[in-house]
Amino acid sequence: MSLRGFERVSSRASQVNDDVNIKLRVSESSLLFSPDAAAAIGNPAYAVILLNKRSHSVAVVPADKGDDDAIRFAKAAGKSVRVALPQVLTAVSELIPVTPVDGRAAFTDVKGEYSKSDNAILFHAKDGVAGSSARRGRAAHAE
């Protein structure tokens, strides 16, 4: 019997299948990473967000708590991750803009990809799709 054509099964949490939904939603108030995006890099408690202004891309890599520029990231496996730090939101919004829509909550969704060699999730602005939804909560009733 030959093992030609077989692939090793990894027990690492960062193994990613092709059918996962790695997504970033950029809104006026926060960045929202899908549960699959966080799972792709192992649901790290801390991460660093990297920007490439030349290619209009955003990358997220796991980090340690003491790393420079590390931000709080995943709190629990299987949950989406919300980042609302103003300086991070401003920097990412320059690359992935959000077009305001009167009376509605505007956002831009970007489908991402996992880079196994870098253990990073990558989002390219050119893949962004603008959208909007009805405002909810106090903001909807204040107008």
N, C-alpha and C. Protein backbone atom coordinates (compact mmCIF):
# COMPACT_ATOMS: atom_id res chain seq x y z
N MET A 1 0.84 -1.18 0.00
CA MET A 1 0.00 0.00 0.00
C MET A 1 0.89 1.25 0.00
N SER A 2 0.52 2.24 -0.76
CA SER A 2 1.28 3.48 -0.88
C SER A 2 0.52 4.63 -0.23
N LEU A 3 1.24 5.59 0.35
CA LEU A 3 0.62 6.77 0.96
C LEU A 3 0.67 7.97 0.01
N ARG A 4 0.97 7.73 -1.23
CA ARG A 4 1.02 8.81 -2.22
C ARG A 4 -0.38 9.42 -2.37
N GLY A 5 -0.46 10.75 -2.35
CA GLY A 5 -1.74 11.43 -2.52
C GLY A 5 -2.44 11.76 -1.21
N PHE A 6 -1.94 11.23 -0.08
CA PHE A 6 -2.54 11.52 1.21
C PHE A 6 -2.01 12.84 1.74
N GLU A 7 -2.82 13.54 2.51
CA GLU A 7 -2.40 14.78 3.15
C GLU A 7 -2.47 14.60 4.65
N ARG A 8 -1.55 15.22 5.35
CA ARG A 8 -1.50 15.15 6.80
C ARG A 8 -2.68 15.94 7.38
N VAL A 9 -3.33 15.42 8.41
CA VAL A 9 -4.40 16.11 9.11
C VAL A 9 -3.79 16.83 10.30
N SER A 10 -3.98 18.14 10.35
CA SER A 10 -3.39 18.93 11.43
C SER A 10 -4.37 19.07 12.58
N SER A 11 -3.85 19.04 13.79
CA SER A 11 -4.69 19.24 14.96
C SER A 11 -4.64 20.69 15.42
N ARG A 12 -3.91 21.53 14.68
CA ARG A 12 -3.79 22.95 15.05
C ARG A 12 -5.09 23.68 14.78
N ALA A 13 -5.43 24.60 15.67
CA ALA A 13 -6.68 25.35 15.55
C ALA A 13 -6.66 26.29 14.35
N SER A 14 -5.49 26.63 13.85
CA SER A 14 -5.42 27.60 12.76
C SER A 14 -5.58 26.97 11.38
N GLN A 15 -5.87 25.67 11.32
CA GLN A 15 -6.10 25.04 10.02
C GLN A 15 -7.41 25.58 9.45
N VAL A 16 -7.41 26.02 8.21
CA VAL A 16 -8.57 26.68 7.63
C VAL A 16 -9.01 25.93 6.38
N ASN A 17 -10.29 25.65 6.28
CA ASN A 17 -10.86 25.03 5.09
C ASN A 17 -11.22 26.11 4.09
N ASP A 18 -11.44 25.73 2.84
CA ASP A 18 -11.79 26.69 1.81
C ASP A 18 -13.20 27.25 1.96
N ASP A 19 -14.07 26.59 2.71
CA ASP A 19 -15.47 27.01 2.79
C ASP A 19 -15.76 27.93 3.99
N VAL A 20 -14.74 28.46 4.65
CA VAL A 20 -14.98 29.34 5.78
C VAL A 20 -15.35 30.74 5.30
N ASN A 21 -16.01 31.49 6.18
CA ASN A 21 -16.49 32.82 5.84
C ASN A 21 -15.65 33.86 6.58
N ILE A 22 -14.48 34.16 6.05
CA ILE A 22 -13.60 35.16 6.65
C ILE A 22 -14.06 36.52 6.13
N LYS A 23 -14.56 37.35 7.05
CA LYS A 23 -15.15 38.62 6.63
C LYS A 23 -14.84 39.72 7.64
N LEU A 24 -14.67 40.92 7.13
CA LEU A 24 -14.50 42.12 7.94
C LEU A 24 -15.59 43.10 7.55
N ARG A 25 -16.29 43.63 8.55
CA ARG A 25 -17.28 44.69 8.30
C ARG A 25 -16.75 45.96 8.93
N VAL A 26 -16.56 46.98 8.10
CA VAL A 26 -16.11 48.28 8.56
C VAL A 26 -17.34 49.18 8.60
N SER A 27 -17.66 49.70 9.79
CA SER A 27 -18.80 50.61 9.91
C SER A 27 -18.30 51.95 10.43
N GLU A 28 -19.22 52.86 10.64
CA GLU A 28 -18.85 54.19 11.14
C GLU A 28 -18.34 54.13 12.57
N SER A 29 -18.70 53.06 13.30
CA SER A 29 -18.36 53.01 14.72
C SER A 29 -17.41 51.87 15.12
N SER A 30 -17.20 50.89 14.25
CA SER A 30 -16.33 49.77 14.65
C SER A 30 -15.91 48.90 13.47
N LEU A 31 -14.98 48.01 13.76
CA LEU A 31 -14.60 46.94 12.84
C LEU A 31 -15.18 45.67 13.42
N LEU A 32 -15.80 44.83 12.60
CA LEU A 32 -16.38 43.58 13.07
C LEU A 32 -15.81 42.44 12.24
N PHE A 33 -15.06 41.56 12.91
CA PHE A 33 -14.47 40.39 12.26
C PHE A 33 -15.38 39.20 12.50
N SER A 34 -15.62 38.40 11.46
CA SER A 34 -16.47 37.23 11.58
C SER A 34 -15.81 36.19 12.50
N PRO A 35 -16.62 35.28 13.08
CA PRO A 35 -16.05 34.22 13.91
C PRO A 35 -15.01 33.39 13.16
N ASP A 36 -15.24 33.15 11.87
CA ASP A 36 -14.28 32.37 11.07
C ASP A 36 -12.96 33.12 10.90
N ALA A 37 -13.01 34.45 10.84
CA ALA A 37 -11.78 35.23 10.71
C ALA A 37 -10.93 35.06 11.96
N ALA A 38 -11.54 35.18 13.12
CA ALA A 38 -10.79 35.00 14.38
C ALA A 38 -10.28 33.58 14.51
N ALA A 39 -11.11 32.60 14.14
CA ALA A 39 -10.72 31.19 14.25
C ALA A 39 -9.55 30.86 13.33
N ALA A 40 -9.48 31.51 12.17
CA ALA A 40 -8.42 31.22 11.21
C ALA A 40 -7.03 31.45 11.81
N ILE A 41 -6.91 32.47 12.66
CA ILE A 41 -5.61 32.75 13.27
C ILE A 41 -5.55 32.24 14.71
N GLY A 42 -6.47 31.37 15.08
CA GLY A 42 -6.41 30.70 16.38
C GLY A 42 -7.08 31.43 17.53
N ASN A 43 -8.02 32.33 17.26
CA ASN A 43 -8.73 33.09 18.30
C ASN A 43 -7.78 33.70 19.33
N PRO A 44 -6.81 34.51 18.86
CA PRO A 44 -5.85 35.07 19.81
C PRO A 44 -6.49 36.13 20.71
N ALA A 45 -6.04 36.21 21.95
CA ALA A 45 -6.54 37.23 22.86
C ALA A 45 -6.08 38.62 22.42
N TYR A 46 -4.92 38.66 21.77
CA TYR A 46 -4.38 39.93 21.27
C TYR A 46 -3.94 39.76 19.82
N ALA A 47 -4.04 40.85 19.07
CA ALA A 47 -3.63 40.83 17.67
C ALA A 47 -3.07 42.20 17.30
N VAL A 48 -2.36 42.22 16.18
CA VAL A 48 -1.85 43.46 15.62
C VAL A 48 -2.50 43.63 14.25
N ILE A 49 -2.99 44.83 13.98
CA ILE A 49 -3.58 45.13 12.68
C ILE A 49 -2.52 45.87 11.86
N LEU A 50 -2.24 45.34 10.68
CA LEU A 50 -1.23 45.91 9.79
C LEU A 50 -1.90 46.50 8.56
N LEU A 51 -1.42 47.64 8.10
CA LEU A 51 -1.98 48.30 6.93
C LEU A 51 -0.93 48.39 5.83
N ASN A 52 -1.35 48.13 4.59
CA ASN A 52 -0.49 48.32 3.43
C ASN A 52 -1.19 49.35 2.55
N LYS A 53 -0.73 50.59 2.62
CA LYS A 53 -1.39 51.67 1.89
C LYS A 53 -1.16 51.57 0.38
N ARG A 54 -0.08 50.92 -0.03
CA ARG A 54 0.18 50.76 -1.46
C ARG A 54 -0.82 49.81 -2.10
N SER A 55 -1.10 48.69 -1.44
CA SER A 55 -2.03 47.71 -2.01
C SER A 55 -3.44 47.85 -1.46
N HIS A 56 -3.65 48.83 -0.58
CA HIS A 56 -4.95 49.05 0.06
C HIS A 56 -5.44 47.76 0.72
N SER A 57 -4.58 47.22 1.58
CA SER A 57 -4.89 45.96 2.25
C SER A 57 -4.73 46.08 3.75
N VAL A 58 -5.47 45.23 4.47
CA VAL A 58 -5.40 45.15 5.92
C VAL A 58 -5.08 43.71 6.28
N ALA A 59 -4.15 43.52 7.21
CA ALA A 59 -3.81 42.18 7.69
C ALA A 59 -3.95 42.16 9.21
N VAL A 60 -4.30 41.01 9.74
CA VAL A 60 -4.39 40.82 11.18
C VAL A 60 -3.56 39.60 11.54
N VAL A 61 -2.64 39.78 12.49
CA VAL A 61 -1.78 38.69 12.95
C VAL A 61 -1.90 38.55 14.46
N PRO A 62 -1.80 37.33 14.98
CA PRO A 62 -1.84 37.14 16.42
C PRO A 62 -0.65 37.84 17.09
N ALA A 63 -0.83 38.25 18.34
CA ALA A 63 0.23 38.93 19.08
C ALA A 63 0.16 38.54 20.55
N ASP A 64 1.20 38.88 21.27
CA ASP A 64 1.21 38.72 22.72
C ASP A 64 0.77 40.02 23.36
N LYS A 65 0.32 39.94 24.60
CA LYS A 65 -0.18 41.11 25.32
C LYS A 65 0.85 42.24 25.36
N GLY A 66 2.12 41.90 25.50
CA GLY A 66 3.16 42.91 25.63
C GLY A 66 3.67 43.47 24.32
N ASP A 67 3.23 42.93 23.18
CA ASP A 67 3.71 43.42 21.89
C ASP A 67 3.28 44.86 21.64
N ASP A 68 4.18 45.64 21.03
CA ASP A 68 3.81 47.00 20.64
C ASP A 68 2.64 46.94 19.67
N ASP A 69 1.69 47.82 19.84
CA ASP A 69 0.53 47.96 18.96
C ASP A 69 -0.46 46.79 19.05
N ALA A 70 -0.29 45.90 20.02
CA ALA A 70 -1.25 44.80 20.20
C ALA A 70 -2.55 45.36 20.76
N ILE A 71 -3.66 44.87 20.21
CA ILE A 71 -4.97 45.28 20.69
C ILE A 71 -5.72 44.04 21.18
N ARG A 72 -6.66 44.24 22.08
CA ARG A 72 -7.50 43.14 22.56
C ARG A 72 -8.28 42.61 21.37
N PHE A 73 -8.30 41.29 21.22
CA PHE A 73 -8.96 40.72 20.05
C PHE A 73 -10.03 39.72 20.48
N ALA A 74 -9.83 38.46 20.27
CA ALA A 74 -10.87 37.45 20.52
C ALA A 74 -11.07 37.23 22.02
N LYS A 75 -12.33 37.21 22.43
CA LYS A 75 -12.66 36.95 23.83
C LYS A 75 -13.09 35.51 24.03
N ALA A 76 -13.71 34.93 23.02
CA ALA A 76 -14.17 33.54 23.10
C ALA A 76 -14.23 32.95 21.70
N ALA A 77 -13.96 31.67 21.61
CA ALA A 77 -14.03 30.98 20.31
C ALA A 77 -15.47 30.96 19.82
N GLY A 78 -15.64 31.08 18.51
CA GLY A 78 -16.96 31.02 17.91
C GLY A 78 -17.74 32.33 17.96
N LYS A 79 -17.12 33.39 18.41
CA LYS A 79 -17.78 34.70 18.50
C LYS A 79 -17.12 35.68 17.54
N SER A 80 -17.91 36.63 17.05
CA SER A 80 -17.33 37.68 16.23
C SER A 80 -16.52 38.61 17.13
N VAL A 81 -15.61 39.36 16.52
CA VAL A 81 -14.73 40.25 17.27
C VAL A 81 -14.99 41.69 16.83
N ARG A 82 -15.31 42.54 17.80
CA ARG A 82 -15.56 43.96 17.52
C ARG A 82 -14.39 44.78 18.04
N VAL A 83 -13.85 45.65 17.17
CA VAL A 83 -12.78 46.56 17.54
C VAL A 83 -13.31 47.97 17.32
N ALA A 84 -13.34 48.76 18.41
CA ALA A 84 -13.91 50.11 18.31
C ALA A 84 -12.92 51.18 18.73
N LEU A 85 -11.64 50.87 18.71
CA LEU A 85 -10.63 51.87 19.07
C LEU A 85 -10.57 52.94 17.98
N PRO A 86 -10.76 54.20 18.35
CA PRO A 86 -10.83 55.27 17.34
C PRO A 86 -9.63 55.33 16.40
N GLN A 87 -8.41 55.19 16.93
CA GLN A 87 -7.23 55.30 16.07
C GLN A 87 -7.16 54.14 15.07
N VAL A 88 -7.59 52.95 15.47
CA VAL A 88 -7.60 51.80 14.57
C VAL A 88 -8.68 51.98 13.52
N LEU A 89 -9.86 52.38 13.95
CA LEU A 89 -10.99 52.59 13.03
C LEU A 89 -10.66 53.66 11.99
N THR A 90 -10.06 54.75 12.43
CA THR A 90 -9.70 55.82 11.51
C THR A 90 -8.69 55.34 10.46
N ALA A 91 -7.68 54.62 10.91
CA ALA A 91 -6.64 54.14 9.98
C ALA A 91 -7.20 53.15 8.96
N VAL A 92 -8.03 52.22 9.42
CA VAL A 92 -8.61 51.23 8.50
C VAL A 92 -9.61 51.90 7.56
N SER A 93 -10.38 52.86 8.06
CA SER A 93 -11.38 53.55 7.23
C SER A 93 -10.75 54.36 6.11
N GLU A 94 -9.49 54.74 6.26
CA GLU A 94 -8.80 55.44 5.18
C GLU A 94 -8.55 54.50 4.00
N LEU A 95 -8.35 53.21 4.29
CA LEU A 95 -8.12 52.24 3.22
C LEU A 95 -9.42 51.60 2.72
N ILE A 96 -10.34 51.38 3.64
CA ILE A 96 -11.63 50.77 3.31
C ILE A 96 -12.71 51.75 3.74
N PRO A 97 -13.08 52.67 2.85
CA PRO A 97 -14.02 53.73 3.22
C PRO A 97 -15.45 53.22 3.40
N VAL A 98 -16.18 53.96 4.24
CA VAL A 98 -17.60 53.70 4.47
C VAL A 98 -18.36 54.90 3.92
N THR A 99 -19.25 54.66 2.97
CA THR A 99 -20.02 55.73 2.36
C THR A 99 -21.29 55.96 3.15
N PRO A 100 -21.46 57.14 3.76
CA PRO A 100 -22.64 57.40 4.58
C PRO A 100 -23.94 57.34 3.75
N VAL A 101 -25.00 56.86 4.40
CA VAL A 101 -26.31 56.77 3.79
C VAL A 101 -27.28 57.46 4.74
N ASP A 102 -28.07 58.42 4.23
CA ASP A 102 -28.99 59.18 5.08
C ASP A 102 -29.91 58.29 5.90
N GLY A 103 -29.86 58.47 7.24
CA GLY A 103 -30.78 57.78 8.13
C GLY A 103 -30.55 56.29 8.28
N ARG A 104 -29.49 55.77 7.71
CA ARG A 104 -29.22 54.34 7.78
C ARG A 104 -27.80 54.11 8.28
N ALA A 105 -27.55 52.94 8.83
CA ALA A 105 -26.21 52.57 9.28
C ALA A 105 -25.43 52.03 8.09
N ALA A 106 -24.39 52.74 7.69
CA ALA A 106 -23.60 52.35 6.52
C ALA A 106 -22.43 51.46 6.94
N PHE A 107 -22.01 50.59 6.03
CA PHE A 107 -20.87 49.71 6.28
C PHE A 107 -20.26 49.27 4.97
N THR A 108 -19.08 48.70 5.05
CA THR A 108 -18.43 48.06 3.91
C THR A 108 -17.99 46.67 4.36
N ASP A 109 -18.44 45.65 3.65
CA ASP A 109 -18.05 44.27 3.92
C ASP A 109 -16.91 43.88 3.00
N VAL A 110 -15.90 43.23 3.58
CA VAL A 110 -14.75 42.78 2.79
C VAL A 110 -14.51 41.30 3.08
N LYS A 111 -14.55 40.50 2.03
CA LYS A 111 -14.23 39.08 2.17
C LYS A 111 -12.72 38.94 2.26
N GLY A 112 -12.27 38.14 3.20
CA GLY A 112 -10.83 37.99 3.43
C GLY A 112 -10.32 36.62 3.07
N GLU A 113 -9.05 36.46 3.28
CA GLU A 113 -8.40 35.18 3.01
C GLU A 113 -7.39 34.91 4.11
N TYR A 114 -7.08 33.65 4.31
CA TYR A 114 -6.11 33.25 5.32
C TYR A 114 -4.79 32.93 4.66
N SER A 115 -3.72 33.51 5.18
CA SER A 115 -2.37 33.21 4.69
C SER A 115 -1.71 32.26 5.69
N LYS A 116 -1.63 31.02 5.31
CA LYS A 116 -1.07 30.00 6.20
C LYS A 116 0.40 30.27 6.50
N SER A 117 1.16 30.72 5.50
CA SER A 117 2.60 30.95 5.70
C SER A 117 2.87 32.07 6.70
N ASP A 118 1.96 33.06 6.77
CA ASP A 118 2.14 34.19 7.69
C ASP A 118 1.24 34.09 8.93
N ASN A 119 0.36 33.08 8.98
CA ASN A 119 -0.66 32.96 10.02
C ASN A 119 -1.37 34.31 10.19
N ALA A 120 -1.90 34.81 9.08
CA ALA A 120 -2.54 36.11 9.05
C ALA A 120 -3.83 36.04 8.24
N ILE A 121 -4.76 36.93 8.56
CA ILE A 121 -5.94 37.10 7.72
C ILE A 121 -5.76 38.40 6.95
N LEU A 122 -6.07 38.36 5.66
CA LEU A 122 -5.84 39.49 4.77
C LEU A 122 -7.16 39.97 4.17
N PHE A 123 -7.31 41.29 4.10
CA PHE A 123 -8.50 41.89 3.51
C PHE A 123 -8.04 42.95 2.52
N HIS A 124 -8.57 42.91 1.29
CA HIS A 124 -8.19 43.85 0.24
C HIS A 124 -9.36 44.79 -0.03
N ALA A 125 -9.10 46.10 -0.02
CA ALA A 125 -10.15 47.10 -0.19
C ALA A 125 -10.92 46.90 -1.49
N LYS A 126 -10.25 46.42 -2.54
CA LYS A 126 -10.91 46.23 -3.83
C LYS A 126 -12.04 45.21 -3.75
N ASP A 127 -12.01 44.35 -2.73
CA ASP A 127 -13.05 43.34 -2.55
C ASP A 127 -14.23 43.85 -1.71
N GLY A 128 -14.17 45.11 -1.29
CA GLY A 128 -15.21 45.68 -0.43
C GLY A 128 -16.53 45.89 -1.14
N VAL A 129 -17.62 45.62 -0.42
CA VAL A 129 -18.97 45.82 -0.94
C VAL A 129 -19.71 46.73 0.05
N ALA A 130 -20.14 47.90 -0.43
CA ALA A 130 -20.85 48.84 0.44
C ALA A 130 -22.27 48.36 0.69
N GLY A 131 -22.78 48.70 1.88
CA GLY A 131 -24.15 48.34 2.23
C GLY A 131 -24.67 49.24 3.32
N SER A 132 -25.92 49.05 3.67
CA SER A 132 -26.52 49.81 4.77
C SER A 132 -27.66 49.00 5.37
N SER A 133 -28.00 49.33 6.59
CA SER A 133 -29.11 48.67 7.27
C SER A 133 -29.82 49.72 8.12
N ALA A 134 -31.03 49.39 8.55
CA ALA A 134 -31.79 50.31 9.39
C ALA A 134 -31.05 50.48 10.71
N ARG A 135 -31.07 51.70 11.22
CA ARG A 135 -30.44 51.94 12.53
C ARG A 135 -31.29 51.26 13.60
N ARG A 136 -30.62 50.79 14.64
CA ARG A 136 -31.33 50.13 15.73
C ARG A 136 -31.01 50.83 17.04
N GLY A 137 -31.82 50.60 18.03
CA GLY A 137 -31.56 51.13 19.36
C GLY A 137 -31.87 52.61 19.47
N ARG A 138 -31.22 53.26 20.42
CA ARG A 138 -31.47 54.68 20.71
C ARG A 138 -31.21 55.57 19.51
N ALA A 139 -30.19 55.26 18.73
CA ALA A 139 -29.85 56.09 17.58
C ALA A 139 -31.01 56.17 16.59
N ALA A 140 -31.76 55.10 16.43
CA ALA A 140 -32.88 55.08 15.48
C ALA A 140 -34.02 55.95 15.96
N HIS A 141 -34.20 56.04 17.27
CA HIS A 141 -35.33 56.78 17.82
C HIS A 141 -34.98 58.23 18.15
N ALA A 142 -33.72 58.58 18.10
CA ALA A 142 -33.29 59.95 18.43
C ALA A 142 -33.55 60.91 17.29
N GLU A 143 -33.70 60.39 16.10
CA GLU A 143 -33.86 61.27 14.92
C GLU A 143 -35.27 61.75 14.75
